[in-house]
Amino acid sequence: MSARRDPASVAVSRTLAAGVAASMTLMAAGFVLALLRGGPLPNAATPLPVLAAGLRACDPAAVMSLGLLILLATPAARVGVLAWQFARRREWIFVAISLTVLGVLAASVAIGRGE
């Protein structure tokens, strides 16, 4: 007898798995790029304003930084998926709580970038 999983938990699991898989793939690709180019491994993340240019140039540090950025964004994506799942089930109090958490996360990023 197989237990039927809740669609919300399946969506959250898939979101977390996809985020971790994408992050690890990019981190590994950046590592391989650094090794192939014979240069040292990056010792710092690529700043956001120059990340796109670094990615276009296949800079290992930029590729690894994107992987790190995706890893950091994965928990926020999880909260967004939860909010969507709660809305589908019309559990409005949990939608409000989830959106509040997303708002606090967004505010913390905005405040952190201002420093």
PDB file of N, CA and C in Angstrom:
ATOM      1  N   MET A   1       0.840  -1.172   0.000  1.00  0.00           N
ATOM      2  CA  MET A   1       0.000   0.000   0.000  1.00  0.00           C
ATOM      3  C   MET A   1       0.888   1.238   0.000  1.00  0.00           C
ATOM      4  N   SER A   2       0.693   2.135  -0.952  1.00  0.00           N
ATOM      5  CA  SER A   2       1.505   3.347  -1.020  1.00  0.00           C
ATOM      6  C   SER A   2       0.716   4.523  -0.473  1.00  0.00           C
ATOM      7  N   ALA A   3       1.408   5.339   0.288  1.00  0.00           N
ATOM      8  CA  ALA A   3       0.774   6.536   0.843  1.00  0.00           C
ATOM      9  C   ALA A   3       0.793   7.643  -0.198  1.00  0.00           C
ATOM     10  N   ARG A   4      -0.302   8.348  -0.310  1.00  0.00           N
ATOM     11  CA  ARG A   4      -0.381   9.460  -1.256  1.00  0.00           C
ATOM     12  C   ARG A   4       0.182  10.697  -0.593  1.00  0.00           C
ATOM     13  N   ARG A   5       1.121  11.339  -1.244  1.00  0.00           N
ATOM     14  CA  ARG A   5       1.765  12.525  -0.679  1.00  0.00           C
ATOM     15  C   ARG A   5       0.941  13.766  -0.975  1.00  0.00           C
ATOM     16  N   ASP A   6       0.972  14.669  -0.026  1.00  0.00           N
ATOM     17  CA  ASP A   6       0.303  15.955  -0.159  1.00  0.00           C
ATOM     18  C   ASP A   6       0.942  16.737  -1.315  1.00  0.00           C
ATOM     19  N   PRO A   7       0.147  17.308  -2.226  1.00  0.00           N
ATOM     20  CA  PRO A   7       0.717  18.058  -3.354  1.00  0.00           C
ATOM     21  C   PRO A   7       1.621  19.219  -2.911  1.00  0.00           C
ATOM     22  N   ALA A   8       1.299  19.835  -1.787  1.00  0.00           N
ATOM     23  CA  ALA A   8       2.134  20.939  -1.303  1.00  0.00           C
ATOM     24  C   ALA A   8       3.515  20.436  -0.917  1.00  0.00           C
ATOM     25  N   SER A   9       3.574  19.310  -0.235  1.00  0.00           N
ATOM     26  CA  SER A   9       4.888  18.802   0.162  1.00  0.00           C
ATOM     27  C   SER A   9       5.679  18.323  -1.052  1.00  0.00           C
ATOM     28  N   VAL A  10       4.991  17.802  -2.056  1.00  0.00           N
ATOM     29  CA  VAL A  10       5.669  17.400  -3.294  1.00  0.00           C
ATOM     30  C   VAL A  10       6.246  18.634  -3.985  1.00  0.00           C
ATOM     31  N   ALA A  11       5.467  19.711  -4.070  1.00  0.00           N
ATOM     32  CA  ALA A  11       5.933  20.941  -4.723  1.00  0.00           C
ATOM     33  C   ALA A  11       7.123  21.536  -3.971  1.00  0.00           C
ATOM     34  N   VAL A  12       7.052  21.536  -2.648  1.00  0.00           N
ATOM     35  CA  VAL A  12       8.163  22.066  -1.850  1.00  0.00           C
ATOM     36  C   VAL A  12       9.405  21.199  -2.031  1.00  0.00           C
ATOM     37  N   SER A  13       9.240  19.891  -1.998  1.00  0.00           N
ATOM     38  CA  SER A  13      10.368  18.979  -2.184  1.00  0.00           C
ATOM     39  C   SER A  13      11.026  19.187  -3.543  1.00  0.00           C
ATOM     40  N   ARG A  14      10.212  19.333  -4.571  1.00  0.00           N
ATOM     41  CA  ARG A  14      10.757  19.539  -5.924  1.00  0.00           C
ATOM     42  C   ARG A  14      11.473  20.879  -6.032  1.00  0.00           C
ATOM     43  N   THR A  15      10.933  21.899  -5.377  1.00  0.00           N
ATOM     44  CA  THR A  15      11.576  23.214  -5.397  1.00  0.00           C
ATOM     45  C   THR A  15      12.948  23.149  -4.725  1.00  0.00           C
ATOM     46  N   LEU A  16      12.985  22.523  -3.553  1.00  0.00           N
ATOM     47  CA  LEU A  16      14.260  22.411  -2.842  1.00  0.00           C
ATOM     48  C   LEU A  16      15.260  21.569  -3.629  1.00  0.00           C
ATOM     49  N   ALA A  17      14.803  20.458  -4.188  1.00  0.00           N
ATOM     50  CA  ALA A  17      15.699  19.594  -4.959  1.00  0.00           C
ATOM     51  C   ALA A  17      16.223  20.305  -6.200  1.00  0.00           C
ATOM     52  N   ALA A  18      15.348  21.032  -6.886  1.00  0.00           N
ATOM     53  CA  ALA A  18      15.781  21.754  -8.091  1.00  0.00           C
ATOM     54  C   ALA A  18      16.777  22.849  -7.742  1.00  0.00           C
ATOM     55  N   GLY A  19      16.531  23.567  -6.652  1.00  0.00           N
ATOM     56  CA  GLY A  19      17.458  24.618  -6.237  1.00  0.00           C
ATOM     57  C   GLY A  19      18.823  24.077  -5.885  1.00  0.00           C
ATOM     58  N   VAL A  20      18.847  23.003  -5.121  1.00  0.00           N
ATOM     59  CA  VAL A  20      20.127  22.403  -4.727  1.00  0.00           C
ATOM     60  C   VAL A  20      20.838  21.813  -5.949  1.00  0.00           C
ATOM     61  N   ALA A  21      20.078  21.144  -6.833  1.00  0.00           N
ATOM     62  CA  ALA A  21      20.692  20.552  -8.027  1.00  0.00           C
ATOM     63  C   ALA A  21      21.280  21.626  -8.936  1.00  0.00           C
ATOM     64  N   ALA A  22      20.541  22.702  -9.160  1.00  0.00           N
ATOM     65  CA  ALA A  22      21.052  23.788 -10.013  1.00  0.00           C
ATOM     66  C   ALA A  22      22.279  24.422  -9.379  1.00  0.00           C
ATOM     67  N   SER A  23      22.225  24.640  -8.086  1.00  0.00           N
ATOM     68  CA  SER A  23      23.354  25.246  -7.386  1.00  0.00           C
ATOM     69  C   SER A  23      24.596  24.366  -7.477  1.00  0.00           C
ATOM     70  N   MET A  24      24.433  23.099  -7.175  1.00  0.00           N
ATOM     71  CA  MET A  24      25.586  22.188  -7.216  1.00  0.00           C
ATOM     72  C   MET A  24      26.151  22.062  -8.623  1.00  0.00           C
ATOM     73  N   THR A  25      25.271  22.038  -9.630  1.00  0.00           N
ATOM     74  CA  THR A  25      25.723  21.937 -11.022  1.00  0.00           C
ATOM     75  C   THR A  25      26.561  23.157 -11.399  1.00  0.00           C
ATOM     76  N   LEU A  26      26.090  24.337 -11.035  1.00  0.00           N
ATOM     77  CA  LEU A  26      26.839  25.555 -11.355  1.00  0.00           C
ATOM     78  C   LEU A  26      28.143  25.633 -10.569  1.00  0.00           C
ATOM     79  N   MET A  27      28.106  25.232  -9.316  1.00  0.00           N
ATOM     80  CA  MET A  27      29.348  25.252  -8.523  1.00  0.00           C
ATOM     81  C   MET A  27      30.379  24.289  -9.121  1.00  0.00           C
ATOM     82  N   ALA A  28      29.921  23.103  -9.512  1.00  0.00           N
ATOM     83  CA  ALA A  28      30.827  22.130 -10.125  1.00  0.00           C
ATOM     84  C   ALA A  28      31.341  22.633 -11.476  1.00  0.00           C
ATOM     85  N   ALA A  29      30.470  23.250 -12.260  1.00  0.00           N
ATOM     86  CA  ALA A  29      30.891  23.788 -13.560  1.00  0.00           C
ATOM     87  C   ALA A  29      31.936  24.885 -13.378  1.00  0.00           C
ATOM     88  N   GLY A  30      31.734  25.758 -12.402  1.00  0.00           N
ATOM     89  CA  GLY A  30      32.722  26.796 -12.126  1.00  0.00           C
ATOM     90  C   GLY A  30      34.047  26.213 -11.685  1.00  0.00           C
ATOM     91  N   PHE A  31      33.987  25.169 -10.876  1.00  0.00           N
ATOM     92  CA  PHE A  31      35.200  24.491 -10.422  1.00  0.00           C
ATOM     93  C   PHE A  31      35.955  23.889 -11.605  1.00  0.00           C
ATOM     94  N   VAL A  32      35.223  23.206 -12.486  1.00  0.00           N
ATOM     95  CA  VAL A  32      35.847  22.593 -13.670  1.00  0.00           C
ATOM     96  C   VAL A  32      36.421  23.669 -14.585  1.00  0.00           C
ATOM     97  N   LEU A  33      35.687  24.768 -14.779  1.00  0.00           N
ATOM     98  CA  LEU A  33      36.207  25.868 -15.605  1.00  0.00           C
ATOM     99  C   LEU A  33      37.513  26.412 -15.051  1.00  0.00           C
ATOM    100  N   ALA A  34      37.555  26.580 -13.740  1.00  0.00           N
ATOM    101  CA  ALA A  34      38.775  27.088 -13.116  1.00  0.00           C
ATOM    102  C   ALA A  34      39.933  26.116 -13.328  1.00  0.00           C
ATOM    103  N   LEU A  35      39.670  24.836 -13.190  1.00  0.00           N
ATOM    104  CA  LEU A  35      40.723  23.843 -13.388  1.00  0.00           C
ATOM    105  C   LEU A  35      41.187  23.807 -14.845  1.00  0.00           C
ATOM    106  N   LEU A  36      40.232  23.875 -15.783  1.00  0.00           N
ATOM    107  CA  LEU A  36      40.587  23.839 -17.203  1.00  0.00           C
ATOM    108  C   LEU A  36      41.397  25.060 -17.625  1.00  0.00           C
ATOM    109  N   ARG A  37      41.115  26.174 -17.007  1.00  0.00           N
ATOM    110  CA  ARG A  37      41.850  27.398 -17.348  1.00  0.00           C
ATOM    111  C   ARG A  37      43.185  27.488 -16.626  1.00  0.00           C
ATOM    112  N   GLY A  38      43.438  26.574 -15.709  1.00  0.00           N
ATOM    113  CA  GLY A  38      44.714  26.550 -15.010  1.00  0.00           C
ATOM    114  C   GLY A  38      44.879  27.664 -13.996  1.00  0.00           C
ATOM    115  N   GLY A  39      43.829  28.397 -13.750  1.00  0.00           N
ATOM    116  CA  GLY A  39      43.910  29.494 -12.797  1.00  0.00           C
ATOM    117  C   GLY A  39      43.562  29.039 -11.401  1.00  0.00           C
ATOM    118  N   PRO A  40      43.742  29.911 -10.450  1.00  0.00           N
ATOM    119  CA  PRO A  40      43.381  29.553  -9.076  1.00  0.00           C
ATOM    120  C   PRO A  40      41.859  29.522  -8.910  1.00  0.00           C
ATOM    121  N   LEU A  41      41.431  28.814  -7.901  1.00  0.00           N
ATOM    122  CA  LEU A  41      40.003  28.810  -7.584  1.00  0.00           C
ATOM    123  C   LEU A  41      39.626  30.176  -7.038  1.00  0.00           C
ATOM    124  N   PRO A  42      38.415  30.619  -7.313  1.00  0.00           N
ATOM    125  CA  PRO A  42      37.987  31.934  -6.818  1.00  0.00           C
ATOM    126  C   PRO A  42      38.004  31.963  -5.285  1.00  0.00           C
ATOM    127  N   ASN A  43      38.436  33.087  -4.741  1.00  0.00           N
ATOM    128  CA  ASN A  43      38.442  33.221  -3.286  1.00  0.00           C
ATOM    129  C   ASN A  43      37.392  34.220  -2.810  1.00  0.00           C
ATOM    130  N   ALA A  44      36.595  34.738  -3.746  1.00  0.00           N
ATOM    131  CA  ALA A  44      35.532  35.675  -3.388  1.00  0.00           C
ATOM    132  C   ALA A  44      34.409  35.556  -4.419  1.00  0.00           C
ATOM    133  N   ALA A  45      33.215  35.908  -3.982  1.00  0.00           N
ATOM    134  CA  ALA A  45      32.066  35.892  -4.887  1.00  0.00           C
ATOM    135  C   ALA A  45      32.131  37.082  -5.833  1.00  0.00           C
ATOM    136  N   THR A  46      31.558  36.908  -7.006  1.00  0.00           N
ATOM    137  CA  THR A  46      31.471  37.990  -7.976  1.00  0.00           C
ATOM    138  C   THR A  46      30.359  38.946  -7.542  1.00  0.00           C
ATOM    139  N   PRO A  47      30.632  40.254  -7.469  1.00  0.00           N
ATOM    140  CA  PRO A  47      29.579  41.206  -7.082  1.00  0.00           C
ATOM    141  C   PRO A  47      28.421  41.184  -8.083  1.00  0.00           C
ATOM    142  N   LEU A  48      27.213  41.390  -7.578  1.00  0.00           N
ATOM    143  CA  LEU A  48      26.019  41.346  -8.428  1.00  0.00           C
ATOM    144  C   LEU A  48      26.073  42.277  -9.634  1.00  0.00           C
ATOM    145  N   PRO A  49      26.584  43.517  -9.504  1.00  0.00           N
ATOM    146  CA  PRO A  49      26.585  44.403 -10.677  1.00  0.00           C
ATOM    147  C   PRO A  49      27.396  43.885 -11.868  1.00  0.00           C
ATOM    148  N   VAL A  50      28.372  43.021 -11.634  1.00  0.00           N
ATOM    149  CA  VAL A  50      29.201  42.513 -12.735  1.00  0.00           C
ATOM    150  C   VAL A  50      28.983  41.018 -12.987  1.00  0.00           C
ATOM    151  N   LEU A  51      27.979  40.434 -12.325  1.00  0.00           N
ATOM    152  CA  LEU A  51      27.742  38.994 -12.465  1.00  0.00           C
ATOM    153  C   LEU A  51      27.381  38.621 -13.899  1.00  0.00           C
ATOM    154  N   ALA A  52      26.488  39.369 -14.541  1.00  0.00           N
ATOM    155  CA  ALA A  52      26.064  39.038 -15.910  1.00  0.00           C
ATOM    156  C   ALA A  52      27.244  39.078 -16.877  1.00  0.00           C
ATOM    157  N   ALA A  53      28.084  40.086 -16.752  1.00  0.00           N
ATOM    158  CA  ALA A  53      29.252  40.172 -17.631  1.00  0.00           C
ATOM    159  C   ALA A  53      30.195  39.003 -17.388  1.00  0.00           C
ATOM    160  N   GLY A  54      30.366  38.633 -16.138  1.00  0.00           N
ATOM    161  CA  GLY A  54      31.218  37.491 -15.805  1.00  0.00           C
ATOM    162  C   GLY A  54      30.665  36.191 -16.356  1.00  0.00           C
ATOM    163  N   LEU A  55      29.349  36.043 -16.321  1.00  0.00           N
ATOM    164  CA  LEU A  55      28.725  34.829 -16.871  1.00  0.00           C
ATOM    165  C   LEU A  55      28.886  34.770 -18.382  1.00  0.00           C
ATOM    166  N   ARG A  56      28.738  35.935 -19.052  1.00  0.00           N
ATOM    167  CA  ARG A  56      28.927  35.963 -20.514  1.00  0.00           C
ATOM    168  C   ARG A  56      30.358  35.579 -20.879  1.00  0.00           C
ATOM    169  N   ALA A  57      31.312  35.911 -20.020  1.00  0.00           N
ATOM    170  CA  ALA A  57      32.715  35.598 -20.278  1.00  0.00           C
ATOM    171  C   ALA A  57      33.106  34.214 -19.753  1.00  0.00           C
ATOM    172  N   CYS A  58      32.130  33.481 -19.215  1.00  0.00           N
ATOM    173  CA  CYS A  58      32.381  32.159 -18.624  1.00  0.00           C
ATOM    174  C   CYS A  58      33.446  32.210 -17.527  1.00  0.00           C
ATOM    175  N   ASP A  59      33.405  33.270 -16.750  1.00  0.00           N
ATOM    176  CA  ASP A  59      34.332  33.417 -15.631  1.00  0.00           C
ATOM    177  C   ASP A  59      33.965  32.410 -14.545  1.00  0.00           C
ATOM    178  N   PRO A  60      34.908  31.563 -14.118  1.00  0.00           N
ATOM    179  CA  PRO A  60      34.598  30.559 -13.101  1.00  0.00           C
ATOM    180  C   PRO A  60      34.009  31.151 -11.819  1.00  0.00           C
ATOM    181  N   ALA A  61      34.531  32.281 -11.390  1.00  0.00           N
ATOM    182  CA  ALA A  61      34.015  32.908 -10.168  1.00  0.00           C
ATOM    183  C   ALA A  61      32.561  33.329 -10.344  1.00  0.00           C
ATOM    184  N   ALA A  62      32.208  33.820 -11.517  1.00  0.00           N
ATOM    185  CA  ALA A  62      30.828  34.234 -11.782  1.00  0.00           C
ATOM    186  C   ALA A  62      29.894  33.028 -11.816  1.00  0.00           C
ATOM    187  N   VAL A  63      30.337  31.948 -12.433  1.00  0.00           N
ATOM    188  CA  VAL A  63      29.514  30.740 -12.507  1.00  0.00           C
ATOM    189  C   VAL A  63      29.276  30.188 -11.099  1.00  0.00           C
ATOM    190  N   MET A  64      30.340  30.133 -10.311  1.00  0.00           N
ATOM    191  CA  MET A  64      30.200  29.643  -8.934  1.00  0.00           C
ATOM    192  C   MET A  64      29.358  30.606  -8.092  1.00  0.00           C
ATOM    193  N   SER A  65      29.473  31.891  -8.344  1.00  0.00           N
ATOM    194  CA  SER A  65      28.669  32.874  -7.610  1.00  0.00           C
ATOM    195  C   SER A  65      27.187  32.725  -7.924  1.00  0.00           C
ATOM    196  N   LEU A  66      26.857  32.441  -9.189  1.00  0.00           N
ATOM    197  CA  LEU A  66      25.464  32.206  -9.546  1.00  0.00           C
ATOM    198  C   LEU A  66      24.938  30.969  -8.818  1.00  0.00           C
ATOM    199  N   GLY A  67      25.756  29.935  -8.737  1.00  0.00           N
ATOM    200  CA  GLY A  67      25.368  28.741  -7.983  1.00  0.00           C
ATOM    201  C   GLY A  67      25.095  29.064  -6.526  1.00  0.00           C
ATOM    202  N   LEU A  68      25.939  29.890  -5.947  1.00  0.00           N
ATOM    203  CA  LEU A  68      25.749  30.295  -4.552  1.00  0.00           C
ATOM    204  C   LEU A  68      24.490  31.141  -4.398  1.00  0.00           C
ATOM    205  N   LEU A  69      24.266  32.031  -5.346  1.00  0.00           N
ATOM    206  CA  LEU A  69      23.067  32.881  -5.312  1.00  0.00           C
ATOM    207  C   LEU A  69      21.789  32.038  -5.393  1.00  0.00           C
ATOM    208  N   ILE A  70      21.790  31.032  -6.255  1.00  0.00           N
ATOM    209  CA  ILE A  70      20.632  30.142  -6.362  1.00  0.00           C
ATOM    210  C   ILE A  70      20.431  29.370  -5.060  1.00  0.00           C
ATOM    211  N   LEU A  71      21.520  28.921  -4.458  1.00  0.00           N
ATOM    212  CA  LEU A  71      21.411  28.211  -3.190  1.00  0.00           C
ATOM    213  C   LEU A  71      20.817  29.104  -2.105  1.00  0.00           C
ATOM    214  N   LEU A  72      21.231  30.357  -2.089  1.00  0.00           N
ATOM    215  CA  LEU A  72      20.701  31.298  -1.099  1.00  0.00           C
ATOM    216  C   LEU A  72      19.237  31.649  -1.372  1.00  0.00           C
ATOM    217  N   ALA A  73      18.829  31.630  -2.631  1.00  0.00           N
ATOM    218  CA  ALA A  73      17.448  31.973  -2.984  1.00  0.00           C
ATOM    219  C   ALA A  73      16.482  30.804  -2.824  1.00  0.00           C
ATOM    220  N   THR A  74      16.994  29.599  -2.702  1.00  0.00           N
ATOM    221  CA  THR A  74      16.140  28.419  -2.636  1.00  0.00           C
ATOM    222  C   THR A  74      15.158  28.444  -1.462  1.00  0.00           C
ATOM    223  N   PRO A  75      15.572  28.808  -0.248  1.00  0.00           N
ATOM    224  CA  PRO A  75      14.574  28.861   0.837  1.00  0.00           C
ATOM    225  C   PRO A  75      13.463  29.880   0.588  1.00  0.00           C
ATOM    226  N   ALA A  76      13.794  31.005  -0.023  1.00  0.00           N
ATOM    227  CA  ALA A  76      12.755  31.994  -0.340  1.00  0.00           C
ATOM    228  C   ALA A  76      11.803  31.430  -1.400  1.00  0.00           C
ATOM    229  N   ALA A  77      12.337  30.700  -2.367  1.00  0.00           N
ATOM    230  CA  ALA A  77      11.487  30.059  -3.378  1.00  0.00           C
ATOM    231  C   ALA A  77      10.559  29.048  -2.716  1.00  0.00           C
ATOM    232  N   ARG A  78      11.065  28.358  -1.721  1.00  0.00           N
ATOM    233  CA  ARG A  78      10.246  27.393  -0.969  1.00  0.00           C
ATOM    234  C   ARG A  78       9.057  28.099  -0.318  1.00  0.00           C
ATOM    235  N   VAL A  79       9.313  29.242   0.295  1.00  0.00           N
ATOM    236  CA  VAL A  79       8.234  29.988   0.942  1.00  0.00           C
ATOM    237  C   VAL A  79       7.230  30.462  -0.109  1.00  0.00           C
ATOM    238  N   GLY A  80       7.709  30.887  -1.272  1.00  0.00           N
ATOM    239  CA  GLY A  80       6.810  31.291  -2.350  1.00  0.00           C
ATOM    240  C   GLY A  80       5.936  30.141  -2.828  1.00  0.00           C
ATOM    241  N   VAL A  81       6.517  28.958  -2.955  1.00  0.00           N
ATOM    242  CA  VAL A  81       5.748  27.780  -3.369  1.00  0.00           C
ATOM    243  C   VAL A  81       4.706  27.442  -2.303  1.00  0.00           C
ATOM    244  N   LEU A  82       5.098  27.552  -1.044  1.00  0.00           N
ATOM    245  CA  LEU A  82       4.128  27.303   0.030  1.00  0.00           C
ATOM    246  C   LEU A  82       2.962  28.284  -0.042  1.00  0.00           C
ATOM    247  N   ALA A  83       3.260  29.559  -0.264  1.00  0.00           N
ATOM    248  CA  ALA A  83       2.196  30.564  -0.368  1.00  0.00           C
ATOM    249  C   ALA A  83       1.242  30.209  -1.506  1.00  0.00           C
ATOM    250  N   TRP A  84       1.794  29.804  -2.636  1.00  0.00           N
ATOM    251  CA  TRP A  84       0.983  29.412  -3.785  1.00  0.00           C
ATOM    252  C   TRP A  84       0.117  28.195  -3.450  1.00  0.00           C
ATOM    253  N   GLN A  85       0.708  27.199  -2.787  1.00  0.00           N
ATOM    254  CA  GLN A  85      -0.043  26.002  -2.418  1.00  0.00           C
ATOM    255  C   GLN A  85      -1.157  26.321  -1.418  1.00  0.00           C
ATOM    256  N   PHE A  86      -0.856  27.197  -0.453  1.00  0.00           N
ATOM    257  CA  PHE A  86      -1.886  27.601   0.507  1.00  0.00           C
ATOM    258  C   PHE A  86      -3.023  28.348  -0.198  1.00  0.00           C
ATOM    259  N   ALA A  87      -2.670  29.182  -1.170  1.00  0.00           N
ATOM    260  CA  ALA A  87      -3.701  29.921  -1.918  1.00  0.00           C
ATOM    261  C   ALA A  87      -4.587  28.959  -2.706  1.00  0.00           C
ATOM    262  N   ARG A  88      -3.998  27.947  -3.286  1.00  0.00           N
ATOM    263  CA  ARG A  88      -4.783  26.952  -4.026  1.00  0.00           C
ATOM    264  C   ARG A  88      -5.788  26.250  -3.118  1.00  0.00           C
ATOM    265  N   ARG A  89      -5.410  26.090  -1.841  1.00  0.00           N
ATOM    266  CA  ARG A  89      -6.310  25.432  -0.875  1.00  0.00           C
ATOM    267  C   ARG A  89      -7.163  26.430  -0.099  1.00  0.00           C
ATOM    268  N   ARG A  90      -7.019  27.707  -0.455  1.00  0.00           N
ATOM    269  CA  ARG A  90      -7.791  28.787   0.174  1.00  0.00           C
ATOM    270  C   ARG A  90      -7.553  28.879   1.683  1.00  0.00           C
ATOM    271  N   GLU A  91      -6.314  28.645   2.082  1.00  0.00           N
ATOM    272  CA  GLU A  91      -5.921  28.784   3.486  1.00  0.00           C
ATOM    273  C   GLU A  91      -5.261  30.156   3.637  1.00  0.00           C
ATOM    274  N   TRP A  92      -6.111  31.181   3.697  1.00  0.00           N
ATOM    275  CA  TRP A  92      -5.665  32.563   3.577  1.00  0.00           C
ATOM    276  C   TRP A  92      -4.765  33.009   4.714  1.00  0.00           C
ATOM    277  N   ILE A  93      -4.942  32.512   5.907  1.00  0.00           N
ATOM    278  CA  ILE A  93      -4.069  32.915   7.015  1.00  0.00           C
ATOM    279  C   ILE A  93      -2.632  32.463   6.742  1.00  0.00           C
ATOM    280  N   PHE A  94      -2.495  31.261   6.171  1.00  0.00           N
ATOM    281  CA  PHE A  94      -1.158  30.768   5.856  1.00  0.00           C
ATOM    282  C   PHE A  94      -0.558  31.475   4.638  1.00  0.00           C
ATOM    283  N   VAL A  95      -1.411  31.900   3.720  1.00  0.00           N
ATOM    284  CA  VAL A  95      -0.941  32.723   2.595  1.00  0.00           C
ATOM    285  C   VAL A  95      -0.368  34.024   3.156  1.00  0.00           C
ATOM    286  N   ALA A  96      -1.113  34.634   4.075  1.00  0.00           N
ATOM    287  CA  ALA A  96      -0.660  35.901   4.668  1.00  0.00           C
ATOM    288  C   ALA A  96       0.649  35.718   5.423  1.00  0.00           C
ATOM    289  N   ILE A  97       0.766  34.635   6.177  1.00  0.00           N
ATOM    290  CA  ILE A  97       1.999  34.378   6.926  1.00  0.00           C
ATOM    291  C   ILE A  97       3.163  34.168   5.960  1.00  0.00           C
ATOM    292  N   SER A  98       2.941  33.379   4.924  1.00  0.00           N
ATOM    293  CA  SER A  98       4.002  33.109   3.944  1.00  0.00           C
ATOM    294  C   SER A  98       4.438  34.386   3.233  1.00  0.00           C
ATOM    295  N   LEU A  99       3.479  35.202   2.842  1.00  0.00           N
ATOM    296  CA  LEU A  99       3.824  36.455   2.167  1.00  0.00           C
ATOM    297  C   LEU A  99       4.527  37.423   3.112  1.00  0.00           C
ATOM    298  N   THR A 100       4.174  37.381   4.388  1.00  0.00           N
ATOM    299  CA  THR A 100       4.879  38.202   5.377  1.00  0.00           C
ATOM    300  C   THR A 100       6.333  37.760   5.491  1.00  0.00           C
ATOM    301  N   VAL A 101       6.548  36.454   5.533  1.00  0.00           N
ATOM    302  CA  VAL A 101       7.920  35.934   5.587  1.00  0.00           C
ATOM    303  C   VAL A 101       8.696  36.371   4.344  1.00  0.00           C
ATOM    304  N   LEU A 102       8.075  36.267   3.168  1.00  0.00           N
ATOM    305  CA  LEU A 102       8.744  36.726   1.942  1.00  0.00           C
ATOM    306  C   LEU A 102       9.055  38.216   2.001  1.00  0.00           C
ATOM    307  N   GLY A 103       8.140  38.989   2.539  1.00  0.00           N
ATOM    308  CA  GLY A 103       8.376  40.425   2.684  1.00  0.00           C
ATOM    309  C   GLY A 103       9.546  40.725   3.606  1.00  0.00           C
ATOM    310  N   VAL A 104       9.629  40.007   4.716  1.00  0.00           N
ATOM    311  CA  VAL A 104      10.757  40.197   5.647  1.00  0.00           C
ATOM    312  C   VAL A 104      12.072  39.804   4.971  1.00  0.00           C
ATOM    313  N   LEU A 105      12.066  38.712   4.230  1.00  0.00           N
ATOM    314  CA  LEU A 105      13.273  38.305   3.504  1.00  0.00           C
ATOM    315  C   LEU A 105      13.685  39.362   2.479  1.00  0.00           C
ATOM    316  N   ALA A 106      12.709  39.870   1.731  1.00  0.00           N
ATOM    317  CA  ALA A 106      13.008  40.899   0.728  1.00  0.00           C
ATOM    318  C   ALA A 106      13.524  42.171   1.390  1.00  0.00           C
ATOM    319  N   ALA A 107      12.929  42.561   2.507  1.00  0.00           N
ATOM    320  CA  ALA A 107      13.389  43.755   3.222  1.00  0.00           C
ATOM    321  C   ALA A 107      14.805  43.565   3.744  1.00  0.00           C
ATOM    322  N   SER A 108      15.114  42.387   4.233  1.00  0.00           N
ATOM    323  CA  SER A 108      16.463  42.149   4.749  1.00  0.00           C
ATOM    324  C   SER A 108      17.502  42.216   3.631  1.00  0.00           C
ATOM    325  N   VAL A 109      17.144  41.720   2.453  1.00  0.00           N
ATOM    326  CA  VAL A 109      18.062  41.814   1.308  1.00  0.00           C
ATOM    327  C   VAL A 109      18.242  43.273   0.906  1.00  0.00           C
ATOM    328  N   ALA A 110      17.143  44.020   0.858  1.00  0.00           N
ATOM    329  CA  ALA A 110      17.223  45.440   0.485  1.00  0.00           C
ATOM    330  C   ALA A 110      18.051  46.234   1.493  1.00  0.00           C
ATOM    331  N   ILE A 111      17.852  45.961   2.765  1.00  0.00           N
ATOM    332  CA  ILE A 111      18.619  46.670   3.799  1.00  0.00           C
ATOM    333  C   ILE A 111      20.079  46.278   3.728  1.00  0.00           C
ATOM    334  N   GLY A 112      20.336  44.986   3.510  1.00  0.00           N
ATOM    335  CA  GLY A 112      21.721  44.510   3.421  1.00  0.00           C
ATOM    336  C   GLY A 112      22.467  45.093   2.236  1.00  0.00           C
ATOM    337  N   ARG A 113      21.782  45.296   1.120  1.00  0.00           N
ATOM    338  CA  ARG A 113      22.426  45.877  -0.064  1.00  0.00           C
ATOM    339  C   ARG A 113      22.707  47.365   0.121  1.00  0.00           C
ATOM    340  N   GLY A 114      21.942  48.012   1.016  1.00  0.00           N
ATOM    341  CA  GLY A 114      22.122  49.445   1.241  1.00  0.00           C
ATOM    342  C   GLY A 114      23.339  49.781   2.081  1.00  0.00           C
ATOM    343  N   GLU A 115      23.888  48.784   2.746  1.00  0.00           N
ATOM    344  CA  GLU A 115      25.040  49.057   3.625  1.00  0.00           C
ATOM    345  C   GLU A 115      26.330  49.128   2.869  1.00  0.00           C
TER     346      GLU A 115
END
